[in-house]
C-alpha cells in the first residue's frame, strides 16, 4: 500500500511500486483529466506537477511520487479558472483536446518560473506535442495568460 497526496487529498493505493503514476491517477484514483499519449514521455499529454515541477507521469513510477505533492489538471483551479485556463478559452486553443491538460500543466509550470516568457523561453520550455498544430494559438494564449496573471 502506497500513500499519495494528490490535489491536496491523501490516497492509499494498492498498486505495484513500478506502476506508472499515470495509470494510478487514471485507473486507481479515477482522475481521468491526465491523458495517455505516447507512453514514453515524449508527447507531454500526461504532464502533471510533482512538487510544483512538470513531470510526464507515464514514465514516473508511482513509488517515486510517494512523499510528494501531486497536482493534476483537476486540482489546478480552486473555484475559478486559472489565468492559463482562461487564456486557453479566450484564444480558442483546443481542437481535438488530446494535448490540452498536459499542455496547460506545462504552461502553468513555465509561468510560475518565468512570469513573462519570451518566445525563445516558450520554445525551450514547452516541448509538449499538439497533434492539431495549434502552436500559434498556444503561444498567443501563453502571452495572454502572462498578462492576465500580471493583472491579478
N, C-alpha and C. Protein backbone atom coordinates (compact mmCIF):
# COMPACT_ATOMS: atom_id res chain seq x y z
N UNK A 1 0.85 -1.18 0.00
CA UNK A 1 0.00 0.00 0.00
C UNK A 1 0.90 1.24 0.00
N UNK A 2 0.63 2.14 -0.92
CA UNK A 2 1.36 3.40 -1.02
C UNK A 2 0.39 4.54 -0.75
N UNK A 3 0.91 5.61 -0.16
CA UNK A 3 0.08 6.79 0.10
C UNK A 3 0.58 7.93 -0.77
N UNK A 4 -0.36 8.54 -1.48
CA UNK A 4 -0.05 9.66 -2.36
C UNK A 4 -0.87 10.87 -1.95
N UNK A 5 -0.29 12.05 -2.08
CA UNK A 5 -1.04 13.29 -1.90
C UNK A 5 -1.31 13.87 -3.28
N UNK A 6 -2.59 13.83 -3.66
CA UNK A 6 -3.00 14.28 -4.99
C UNK A 6 -4.03 15.38 -4.82
N UNK A 7 -3.73 16.54 -5.36
CA UNK A 7 -4.65 17.69 -5.31
C UNK A 7 -5.07 17.99 -3.87
N UNK A 8 -4.14 17.82 -2.93
CA UNK A 8 -4.40 18.14 -1.54
C UNK A 8 -5.12 17.06 -0.75
N UNK A 9 -5.38 15.92 -1.36
CA UNK A 9 -6.07 14.82 -0.70
C UNK A 9 -5.15 13.61 -0.65
N UNK A 10 -5.19 12.90 0.46
CA UNK A 10 -4.37 11.70 0.62
C UNK A 10 -5.12 10.49 0.08
N UNK A 11 -4.41 9.68 -0.70
CA UNK A 11 -4.98 8.46 -1.28
C UNK A 11 -4.07 7.29 -0.94
N UNK A 12 -4.65 6.21 -0.41
CA UNK A 12 -3.92 4.96 -0.24
C UNK A 12 -4.21 4.11 -1.47
N UNK A 13 -3.15 3.69 -2.14
CA UNK A 13 -3.31 2.92 -3.37
C UNK A 13 -2.58 1.59 -3.23
N UNK A 14 -3.25 0.55 -3.63
CA UNK A 14 -2.67 -0.79 -3.59
C UNK A 14 -2.26 -1.17 -5.00
N UNK A 15 -1.05 -0.74 -5.38
CA UNK A 15 -0.51 -0.98 -6.72
C UNK A 15 0.95 -1.38 -6.60
N UNK A 16 1.48 -1.95 -7.66
CA UNK A 16 2.90 -2.28 -7.70
C UNK A 16 3.71 -0.98 -7.72
N UNK A 17 4.83 -0.92 -7.01
CA UNK A 17 5.62 0.31 -6.94
C UNK A 17 6.12 0.82 -8.28
N UNK A 18 6.26 -0.07 -9.26
CA UNK A 18 6.77 0.37 -10.56
C UNK A 18 5.65 0.76 -11.54
N UNK A 19 4.41 0.75 -11.08
CA UNK A 19 3.29 1.18 -11.93
C UNK A 19 3.48 2.66 -12.28
N UNK A 20 3.35 3.03 -13.54
CA UNK A 20 3.45 4.45 -13.88
C UNK A 20 2.38 5.28 -13.16
N UNK A 21 2.78 6.43 -12.67
CA UNK A 21 1.87 7.32 -11.97
C UNK A 21 0.62 7.60 -12.80
N UNK A 22 0.77 7.74 -14.10
CA UNK A 22 -0.38 7.99 -14.98
C UNK A 22 -1.50 7.00 -14.74
N UNK A 23 -1.16 5.72 -14.70
CA UNK A 23 -2.20 4.68 -14.58
C UNK A 23 -2.79 4.66 -13.19
N UNK A 24 -2.02 5.03 -12.18
CA UNK A 24 -2.58 5.13 -10.83
C UNK A 24 -3.59 6.28 -10.79
N UNK A 25 -3.21 7.41 -11.38
CA UNK A 25 -4.13 8.56 -11.41
C UNK A 25 -5.43 8.20 -12.14
N UNK A 26 -5.31 7.62 -13.31
CA UNK A 26 -6.48 7.35 -14.15
C UNK A 26 -7.29 6.14 -13.68
N UNK A 27 -6.62 5.03 -13.41
CA UNK A 27 -7.34 3.77 -13.17
C UNK A 27 -7.65 3.52 -11.70
N UNK A 28 -6.78 3.94 -10.81
CA UNK A 28 -6.98 3.67 -9.39
C UNK A 28 -7.69 4.82 -8.69
N UNK A 29 -7.21 6.04 -8.91
CA UNK A 29 -7.78 7.22 -8.25
C UNK A 29 -8.95 7.80 -9.05
N UNK A 30 -9.07 7.41 -10.31
CA UNK A 30 -10.17 7.84 -11.20
C UNK A 30 -10.14 9.32 -11.54
N UNK A 31 -8.94 9.89 -11.61
CA UNK A 31 -8.76 11.26 -12.10
C UNK A 31 -8.33 11.14 -13.55
N UNK A 32 -9.28 11.25 -14.46
CA UNK A 32 -9.02 10.96 -15.86
C UNK A 32 -8.67 12.17 -16.71
N UNK A 33 -8.46 13.32 -16.09
CA UNK A 33 -8.07 14.50 -16.85
C UNK A 33 -6.67 14.39 -17.43
N UNK A 34 -5.79 13.67 -16.76
CA UNK A 34 -4.44 13.43 -17.26
C UNK A 34 -4.54 12.36 -18.33
N UNK A 35 -4.01 12.66 -19.50
CA UNK A 35 -4.21 11.79 -20.67
C UNK A 35 -3.01 10.92 -20.98
N UNK A 36 -3.28 9.76 -21.58
CA UNK A 36 -2.24 8.89 -22.13
C UNK A 36 -2.02 9.30 -23.57
N UNK A 37 -0.77 9.47 -23.93
CA UNK A 37 -0.46 9.81 -25.32
C UNK A 37 0.46 8.79 -25.93
N UNK A 38 1.72 8.84 -25.54
CA UNK A 38 2.73 8.00 -26.18
C UNK A 38 3.26 6.89 -25.30
N UNK A 39 3.27 7.10 -24.00
CA UNK A 39 3.79 6.11 -23.08
C UNK A 39 5.30 6.12 -22.91
N UNK A 40 6.00 7.04 -23.58
CA UNK A 40 7.45 7.12 -23.48
C UNK A 40 7.95 8.52 -23.10
N UNK A 41 7.07 9.33 -22.53
CA UNK A 41 7.42 10.67 -22.04
C UNK A 41 7.84 11.63 -23.14
N UNK A 42 7.40 11.39 -24.37
CA UNK A 42 7.77 12.26 -25.47
C UNK A 42 6.74 13.33 -25.77
N UNK A 43 5.46 13.02 -25.63
CA UNK A 43 4.43 13.94 -26.11
C UNK A 43 3.95 14.95 -25.08
N UNK A 44 3.98 14.61 -23.79
CA UNK A 44 3.57 15.55 -22.76
C UNK A 44 2.10 15.54 -22.41
N UNK A 45 1.29 14.71 -23.05
CA UNK A 45 -0.15 14.67 -22.74
C UNK A 45 -0.40 14.29 -21.29
N UNK A 46 0.54 13.58 -20.67
CA UNK A 46 0.37 13.07 -19.31
C UNK A 46 1.00 13.98 -18.26
N UNK A 47 1.34 15.21 -18.60
CA UNK A 47 2.05 16.10 -17.68
C UNK A 47 1.20 16.44 -16.47
N UNK A 48 1.80 16.26 -15.30
CA UNK A 48 1.24 16.67 -14.01
C UNK A 48 2.34 17.44 -13.28
N UNK A 49 2.02 18.02 -12.15
CA UNK A 49 3.04 18.66 -11.33
C UNK A 49 3.36 17.76 -10.15
N UNK A 50 4.63 17.57 -9.90
CA UNK A 50 5.11 16.86 -8.72
C UNK A 50 5.98 17.86 -7.97
N UNK A 51 5.50 18.25 -6.79
CA UNK A 51 6.17 19.32 -6.02
C UNK A 51 6.38 20.57 -6.88
N UNK A 52 5.38 20.89 -7.69
CA UNK A 52 5.39 22.10 -8.49
C UNK A 52 6.12 22.01 -9.82
N UNK A 53 6.80 20.91 -10.07
CA UNK A 53 7.56 20.74 -11.32
C UNK A 53 6.76 19.90 -12.31
N UNK A 54 6.80 20.27 -13.59
CA UNK A 54 6.09 19.45 -14.59
C UNK A 54 6.80 18.11 -14.76
N UNK A 55 6.01 17.04 -14.72
CA UNK A 55 6.54 15.69 -14.84
C UNK A 55 5.65 14.91 -15.79
N UNK A 56 6.25 14.11 -16.61
CA UNK A 56 5.48 13.25 -17.52
C UNK A 56 5.16 11.96 -16.76
N UNK A 57 3.93 11.85 -16.37
CA UNK A 57 3.52 10.80 -15.44
C UNK A 57 3.52 9.40 -16.04
N UNK A 58 3.60 9.27 -17.35
CA UNK A 58 3.61 7.94 -17.97
C UNK A 58 4.92 7.21 -17.71
N UNK A 59 5.96 7.95 -17.35
CA UNK A 59 7.27 7.33 -17.15
C UNK A 59 7.76 7.42 -15.72
N UNK A 60 6.95 7.95 -14.82
CA UNK A 60 7.34 8.07 -13.42
C UNK A 60 6.73 6.94 -12.61
N UNK A 61 7.56 6.07 -12.03
CA UNK A 61 6.99 5.02 -11.18
C UNK A 61 6.27 5.64 -9.99
N UNK A 62 5.14 5.11 -9.64
CA UNK A 62 4.35 5.67 -8.56
C UNK A 62 5.16 5.74 -7.26
N UNK A 63 6.06 4.80 -7.05
CA UNK A 63 6.88 4.81 -5.83
C UNK A 63 7.72 6.08 -5.72
N UNK A 64 8.09 6.68 -6.85
CA UNK A 64 8.88 7.91 -6.85
C UNK A 64 8.03 9.13 -6.46
N UNK A 65 6.73 8.97 -6.48
CA UNK A 65 5.84 10.09 -6.14
C UNK A 65 5.39 10.07 -4.69
N UNK A 66 5.70 9.01 -3.97
CA UNK A 66 5.35 8.93 -2.55
C UNK A 66 6.11 10.02 -1.81
N UNK A 67 5.41 10.76 -0.95
CA UNK A 67 6.03 11.83 -0.18
C UNK A 67 6.11 13.15 -0.92
N UNK A 68 5.48 13.23 -2.10
CA UNK A 68 5.46 14.48 -2.87
C UNK A 68 4.04 15.02 -2.90
N UNK A 69 3.91 16.21 -3.44
CA UNK A 69 2.58 16.80 -3.67
C UNK A 69 2.33 16.76 -5.17
N UNK A 70 1.33 15.99 -5.55
CA UNK A 70 0.98 15.81 -6.96
C UNK A 70 -0.21 16.71 -7.27
N UNK A 71 -0.12 17.44 -8.37
CA UNK A 71 -1.26 18.24 -8.83
C UNK A 71 -1.59 17.81 -10.25
N UNK A 72 -2.86 17.48 -10.46
CA UNK A 72 -3.35 17.13 -11.78
C UNK A 72 -4.17 18.30 -12.32
N UNK A 73 -4.61 18.18 -13.55
CA UNK A 73 -5.45 19.22 -14.14
C UNK A 73 -6.70 19.47 -13.29
N UNK A 74 -7.21 18.42 -12.66
CA UNK A 74 -8.41 18.58 -11.81
C UNK A 74 -8.14 19.44 -10.59
N UNK A 75 -6.89 19.47 -10.13
CA UNK A 75 -6.56 20.22 -8.93
C UNK A 75 -5.93 21.57 -9.20
N UNK A 76 -5.82 21.94 -10.45
CA UNK A 76 -5.14 23.19 -10.80
C UNK A 76 -5.92 24.42 -10.34
N UNK A 77 -7.20 24.43 -10.57
CA UNK A 77 -8.03 25.59 -10.22
C UNK A 77 -8.84 25.27 -8.97
N UNK A 78 -9.03 26.27 -8.15
CA UNK A 78 -9.88 26.09 -6.98
C UNK A 78 -10.98 27.13 -7.02
N UNK A 79 -12.11 26.75 -7.58
CA UNK A 79 -13.25 27.64 -7.60
C UNK A 79 -13.41 28.47 -8.86
N UNK A 80 -12.32 28.91 -9.46
CA UNK A 80 -12.40 29.67 -10.70
C UNK A 80 -11.25 29.27 -11.60
N UNK A 81 -11.36 29.59 -12.85
CA UNK A 81 -10.32 29.23 -13.81
C UNK A 81 -9.02 29.96 -13.51
N UNK A 82 -7.92 29.30 -13.79
CA UNK A 82 -6.62 29.97 -13.68
C UNK A 82 -6.45 30.88 -14.89
N UNK A 83 -5.44 31.74 -14.84
CA UNK A 83 -5.16 32.63 -15.98
C UNK A 83 -4.87 31.82 -17.24
N UNK A 84 -4.18 30.70 -17.10
CA UNK A 84 -3.86 29.87 -18.26
C UNK A 84 -5.14 29.26 -18.83
N UNK A 85 -5.98 28.73 -17.98
CA UNK A 85 -7.24 28.14 -18.46
C UNK A 85 -8.11 29.20 -19.15
N UNK A 86 -8.17 30.39 -18.58
CA UNK A 86 -8.98 31.46 -19.18
C UNK A 86 -8.41 31.87 -20.53
N UNK A 87 -7.09 31.99 -20.61
CA UNK A 87 -6.45 32.35 -21.88
C UNK A 87 -6.68 31.27 -22.93
N UNK A 88 -6.70 30.02 -22.51
CA UNK A 88 -6.96 28.90 -23.43
C UNK A 88 -8.35 29.06 -24.06
N UNK A 89 -9.31 29.47 -23.26
CA UNK A 89 -10.67 29.67 -23.76
C UNK A 89 -10.71 30.92 -24.65
N UNK A 90 -10.15 32.02 -24.15
CA UNK A 90 -10.19 33.28 -24.88
C UNK A 90 -9.53 33.18 -26.25
N UNK A 91 -8.44 32.43 -26.34
CA UNK A 91 -7.70 32.30 -27.60
C UNK A 91 -8.15 31.09 -28.42
N UNK A 92 -9.16 30.39 -27.94
CA UNK A 92 -9.73 29.22 -28.64
C UNK A 92 -8.64 28.24 -29.05
N UNK A 93 -7.80 27.85 -28.08
CA UNK A 93 -6.68 26.96 -28.36
C UNK A 93 -7.11 25.55 -28.75
N UNK A 94 -8.02 24.91 -28.01
CA UNK A 94 -8.26 23.47 -28.26
C UNK A 94 -8.90 23.17 -29.60
N UNK A 95 -8.47 22.05 -30.16
CA UNK A 95 -9.16 21.44 -31.29
C UNK A 95 -9.56 20.04 -30.84
N UNK A 96 -8.68 19.08 -30.96
CA UNK A 96 -9.06 17.71 -30.61
C UNK A 96 -9.06 17.47 -29.10
N UNK A 97 -8.26 18.20 -28.35
CA UNK A 97 -8.22 18.06 -26.90
C UNK A 97 -7.17 17.09 -26.39
N UNK A 98 -6.54 16.33 -27.26
CA UNK A 98 -5.53 15.34 -26.87
C UNK A 98 -4.48 15.91 -25.93
N UNK A 99 -3.93 17.05 -26.26
CA UNK A 99 -2.80 17.59 -25.52
C UNK A 99 -3.19 18.57 -24.42
N UNK A 100 -4.42 18.97 -24.37
CA UNK A 100 -4.79 20.15 -23.60
C UNK A 100 -4.44 20.10 -22.11
N UNK A 101 -4.79 19.04 -21.41
CA UNK A 101 -4.50 19.03 -19.97
C UNK A 101 -2.99 19.06 -19.73
N UNK A 102 -2.24 18.28 -20.48
CA UNK A 102 -0.78 18.29 -20.31
C UNK A 102 -0.16 19.61 -20.70
N UNK A 103 -0.66 20.19 -21.78
CA UNK A 103 -0.14 21.48 -22.23
C UNK A 103 -0.41 22.56 -21.18
N UNK A 104 -1.61 22.58 -20.65
CA UNK A 104 -1.96 23.57 -19.61
C UNK A 104 -1.07 23.39 -18.38
N UNK A 105 -0.81 22.14 -18.00
CA UNK A 105 0.05 21.90 -16.84
C UNK A 105 1.47 22.37 -17.12
N UNK A 106 1.99 22.12 -18.31
CA UNK A 106 3.34 22.55 -18.67
C UNK A 106 3.44 24.08 -18.70
N UNK A 107 2.43 24.72 -19.27
CA UNK A 107 2.44 26.19 -19.36
C UNK A 107 2.30 26.81 -17.98
N UNK A 108 1.48 26.24 -17.14
CA UNK A 108 1.33 26.74 -15.77
C UNK A 108 2.66 26.70 -15.03
N UNK A 109 3.40 25.60 -15.20
CA UNK A 109 4.72 25.50 -14.56
C UNK A 109 5.69 26.53 -15.14
N UNK A 110 5.66 26.71 -16.45
CA UNK A 110 6.52 27.72 -17.08
C UNK A 110 6.24 29.10 -16.50
N UNK A 111 4.97 29.48 -16.43
CA UNK A 111 4.63 30.83 -15.96
C UNK A 111 4.91 31.02 -14.47
N UNK A 112 4.91 29.94 -13.71
CA UNK A 112 5.29 30.04 -12.29
C UNK A 112 6.77 30.35 -12.16
N UNK A 113 7.56 29.82 -13.08
CA UNK A 113 9.01 30.01 -13.08
C UNK A 113 9.41 31.29 -13.82
N UNK A 114 8.72 31.58 -14.92
CA UNK A 114 9.05 32.71 -15.80
C UNK A 114 7.74 33.44 -16.11
N UNK A 115 7.38 34.44 -15.31
CA UNK A 115 6.06 35.06 -15.43
C UNK A 115 5.75 35.75 -16.76
N UNK A 116 6.79 36.17 -17.49
CA UNK A 116 6.58 36.84 -18.78
C UNK A 116 7.58 36.29 -19.79
N UNK A 117 7.37 35.06 -20.25
CA UNK A 117 8.38 34.41 -21.09
C UNK A 117 8.46 34.99 -22.49
N UNK A 118 9.66 34.95 -23.02
CA UNK A 118 9.87 35.31 -24.43
C UNK A 118 9.47 34.11 -25.29
N UNK A 119 9.37 34.33 -26.59
CA UNK A 119 9.08 33.21 -27.48
C UNK A 119 10.17 32.14 -27.39
N UNK A 120 11.40 32.55 -27.25
CA UNK A 120 12.50 31.59 -27.13
C UNK A 120 12.36 30.76 -25.85
N UNK A 121 12.00 31.40 -24.75
CA UNK A 121 11.80 30.67 -23.50
C UNK A 121 10.63 29.69 -23.61
N UNK A 122 9.58 30.09 -24.32
CA UNK A 122 8.45 29.19 -24.57
C UNK A 122 8.92 27.99 -25.38
N UNK A 123 9.66 28.24 -26.44
CA UNK A 123 10.18 27.16 -27.29
C UNK A 123 11.04 26.19 -26.49
N UNK A 124 11.88 26.71 -25.61
CA UNK A 124 12.78 25.88 -24.82
C UNK A 124 12.04 25.08 -23.75
N UNK A 125 10.98 25.64 -23.21
CA UNK A 125 10.30 25.02 -22.08
C UNK A 125 9.14 24.11 -22.46
N UNK A 126 8.35 24.51 -23.41
CA UNK A 126 7.14 23.76 -23.76
C UNK A 126 7.47 22.81 -24.90
N UNK A 127 7.68 21.56 -24.55
CA UNK A 127 8.04 20.54 -25.54
C UNK A 127 6.89 19.56 -25.77
N UNK A 128 5.74 19.88 -25.23
CA UNK A 128 4.55 19.05 -25.46
C UNK A 128 4.16 19.10 -26.93
N UNK A 129 3.58 18.01 -27.39
CA UNK A 129 3.18 17.91 -28.79
C UNK A 129 1.68 18.18 -28.91
N UNK A 130 1.33 18.97 -29.92
CA UNK A 130 -0.07 19.24 -30.26
C UNK A 130 -0.33 18.62 -31.63
N UNK A 131 -1.14 17.58 -31.67
CA UNK A 131 -1.42 16.90 -32.93
C UNK A 131 -2.08 17.82 -33.95
N UNK A 132 -2.87 18.76 -33.47
CA UNK A 132 -3.60 19.64 -34.38
C UNK A 132 -2.76 20.81 -34.89
N UNK A 133 -1.61 21.03 -34.27
CA UNK A 133 -0.73 22.10 -34.73
C UNK A 133 -1.21 23.49 -34.35
N UNK A 134 -1.85 23.62 -33.20
CA UNK A 134 -2.36 24.93 -32.79
C UNK A 134 -1.28 25.77 -32.08
N UNK A 135 -0.04 25.53 -32.40
CA UNK A 135 1.07 26.23 -31.73
C UNK A 135 0.96 27.75 -31.77
N UNK A 136 0.52 28.37 -32.88
CA UNK A 136 0.37 29.83 -32.83
C UNK A 136 -0.66 30.28 -31.79
N UNK A 137 -1.76 29.54 -31.66
CA UNK A 137 -2.76 29.90 -30.65
C UNK A 137 -2.24 29.60 -29.24
N UNK A 138 -1.47 28.53 -29.11
CA UNK A 138 -0.88 28.19 -27.80
C UNK A 138 0.04 29.32 -27.37
N UNK A 139 0.92 29.75 -28.27
CA UNK A 139 1.86 30.84 -27.95
C UNK A 139 1.10 32.11 -27.58
N UNK A 140 0.07 32.43 -28.35
CA UNK A 140 -0.74 33.62 -28.07
C UNK A 140 -1.40 33.50 -26.70
N UNK A 141 -1.90 32.32 -26.38
CA UNK A 141 -2.54 32.10 -25.07
C UNK A 141 -1.53 32.20 -23.93
N UNK A 142 -0.31 31.73 -24.15
CA UNK A 142 0.72 31.84 -23.11
C UNK A 142 1.00 33.30 -22.80
N UNK A 143 1.15 34.12 -23.84
CA UNK A 143 1.39 35.55 -23.63
C UNK A 143 0.18 36.22 -22.97
N UNK A 144 -1.02 35.82 -23.38
CA UNK A 144 -2.23 36.38 -22.77
C UNK A 144 -2.33 35.97 -21.30
N UNK A 145 -2.00 34.74 -20.98
CA UNK A 145 -2.05 34.28 -19.59
C UNK A 145 -1.03 35.03 -18.74
N UNK A 146 0.13 35.29 -19.31
CA UNK A 146 1.16 36.05 -18.58
C UNK A 146 0.62 37.44 -18.22
N UNK A 147 -0.08 38.05 -19.17
CA UNK A 147 -0.68 39.37 -18.90
C UNK A 147 -1.80 39.26 -17.87
N UNK A 148 -2.63 38.24 -17.99
CA UNK A 148 -3.72 38.04 -17.02
C UNK A 148 -3.16 37.84 -15.61
N UNK A 149 -2.10 37.03 -15.49
CA UNK A 149 -1.50 36.80 -14.18
C UNK A 149 -0.91 38.07 -13.62
N UNK A 150 -0.32 38.87 -14.48
CA UNK A 150 0.26 40.14 -14.03
C UNK A 150 -0.80 41.11 -13.55
N UNK A 151 -2.00 40.98 -14.10
CA UNK A 151 -3.12 41.85 -13.70
C UNK A 151 -3.76 41.40 -12.41
N UNK A 152 -3.50 40.15 -12.01
CA UNK A 152 -4.14 39.61 -10.80
C UNK A 152 -3.60 40.20 -9.55
